[in-house]
Amino acid sequence: MAQRKIPMRMCSGCRERKSKRELIRVVRPPEGELFIDPTGKASGRGAYLCVGSTACLERAIKTKALERMLEHTIQPDLFEKLRQQLPMAEPLKDGE
């Protein structure tokens, strides 16, 4: 039986490649504001961060990596909202 391929993604903060399940996805839908996508399937431009790592989020903010990956200027209040949501976020669920 063939082994199933594990999807790999890069963290926006630490730039490490990890399996998709070890990361959380931040999404910018075309019509709305940023949010954390627990399913990893929401439509829109996405970027990944290590689960529960505020250091990765801070590094992504400082280097503007999150803004580049989401192709959108992010207001400081949205960064604060992400800082509050990140520690409570769960890794991506089944179903990639």
Protein backbone atom coordinates (compact mmCIF):
# COMPACT_ATOMS: atom_id res chain seq x y z
CA MET A 1 0.00 0.00 0.00
CA ALA A 2 1.30 3.47 -0.90
CA GLN A 3 2.20 5.79 1.94
CA ARG A 4 0.08 8.91 2.11
CA LYS A 5 1.84 12.20 1.34
CA ILE A 6 2.08 14.59 4.29
CA PRO A 7 1.41 18.22 3.28
CA MET A 8 4.22 20.54 4.36
CA ARG A 9 3.93 24.29 4.94
CA MET A 10 6.32 27.02 6.08
CA CYS A 11 5.80 29.05 9.26
CA SER A 12 5.72 32.78 8.51
CA GLY A 13 7.69 33.55 11.67
CA CYS A 14 10.47 30.99 12.10
CA ARG A 15 10.49 29.97 8.39
CA GLU A 16 10.66 26.26 9.31
CA ARG A 17 8.90 23.72 7.11
CA LYS A 18 6.54 21.57 9.18
CA SER A 19 3.62 19.31 8.54
CA LYS A 20 0.38 21.21 8.03
CA ARG A 21 -1.03 19.69 11.23
CA GLU A 22 1.69 21.30 13.35
CA LEU A 23 0.69 24.79 12.18
CA ILE A 24 -2.32 27.07 12.32
CA ARG A 25 -3.58 29.03 9.35
CA VAL A 26 -4.30 32.75 9.35
CA VAL A 27 -6.67 33.69 6.53
CA ARG A 28 -7.54 36.93 4.77
CA PRO A 29 -10.78 36.38 2.87
CA PRO A 30 -11.47 38.70 -0.09
CA GLU A 31 -14.28 40.53 1.71
CA GLY A 32 -13.35 40.35 5.39
CA GLU A 33 -10.68 40.72 8.01
CA LEU A 34 -8.08 38.26 9.26
CA PHE A 35 -9.06 35.26 11.31
CA ILE A 36 -7.58 31.97 12.46
CA ASP A 37 -8.90 29.06 10.39
CA PRO A 38 -9.14 25.89 12.52
CA THR A 39 -10.05 23.69 9.53
CA GLY A 40 -7.36 24.90 7.14
CA LYS A 41 -9.96 25.01 4.37
CA ALA A 42 -11.44 28.53 4.48
CA SER A 43 -11.27 30.38 1.20
CA GLY A 44 -8.89 33.29 0.95
CA ARG A 45 -5.21 34.06 1.13
CA GLY A 46 -3.50 32.12 3.92
CA ALA A 47 -0.32 32.13 5.96
CA TYR A 48 0.83 29.63 8.57
CA LEU A 49 2.24 30.03 12.09
CA CYS A 50 3.51 27.52 14.64
CA VAL A 51 0.75 26.47 17.06
CA GLY A 52 0.80 28.44 20.31
CA SER A 53 4.05 30.22 19.45
CA THR A 54 3.70 33.90 20.13
CA ALA A 55 7.42 34.21 19.24
CA CYS A 56 6.66 33.17 15.66
CA LEU A 57 3.78 35.65 15.48
CA GLU A 58 5.96 38.46 16.84
CA ARG A 59 8.74 37.66 14.36
CA ALA A 60 6.23 37.57 11.48
CA ILE A 61 4.88 40.98 12.55
CA LYS A 62 8.34 42.52 12.99
CA THR A 63 9.62 41.36 9.60
CA LYS A 64 6.26 42.11 7.91
CA ALA A 65 6.24 38.51 6.65
CA LEU A 66 2.56 38.11 7.53
CA GLU A 67 1.66 41.21 5.50
CA ARG A 68 3.64 39.96 2.50
CA MET A 69 2.16 36.48 2.60
CA LEU A 70 -1.39 37.76 2.99
CA GLU A 71 -0.76 40.52 0.42
CA HIS A 72 -2.48 43.07 2.63
CA THR A 73 -1.54 45.85 5.05
CA ILE A 74 -2.54 44.78 8.55
CA GLN A 75 -3.70 47.27 11.16
CA PRO A 76 -2.16 47.09 14.68
CA ASP A 77 -5.54 46.24 16.27
CA LEU A 78 -5.76 43.10 14.10
CA PHE A 79 -2.32 42.03 15.31
CA GLU A 80 -3.58 42.41 18.88
CA LYS A 81 -6.59 40.26 18.07
CA LEU A 82 -4.30 37.56 16.65
CA ARG A 83 -2.11 37.73 19.76
CA GLN A 84 -5.18 36.96 21.87
CA GLN A 85 -6.44 34.14 19.62
CA LEU A 86 -3.13 32.36 18.99
CA PRO A 87 -2.57 30.76 22.43
CA MET A 88 -6.09 29.25 22.33
CA ALA A 89 -5.82 27.99 18.75
CA GLU A 90 -5.76 24.26 18.07
CA PRO A 91 -3.64 22.59 15.38
CA LEU A 92 -5.34 21.97 12.04
CA LYS A 93 -7.99 19.27 12.06
CA ASP A 94 -8.22 16.22 9.80
CA GLY A 95 -9.12 16.72 6.19
CA GLU A 96 -6.32 19.07 5.11
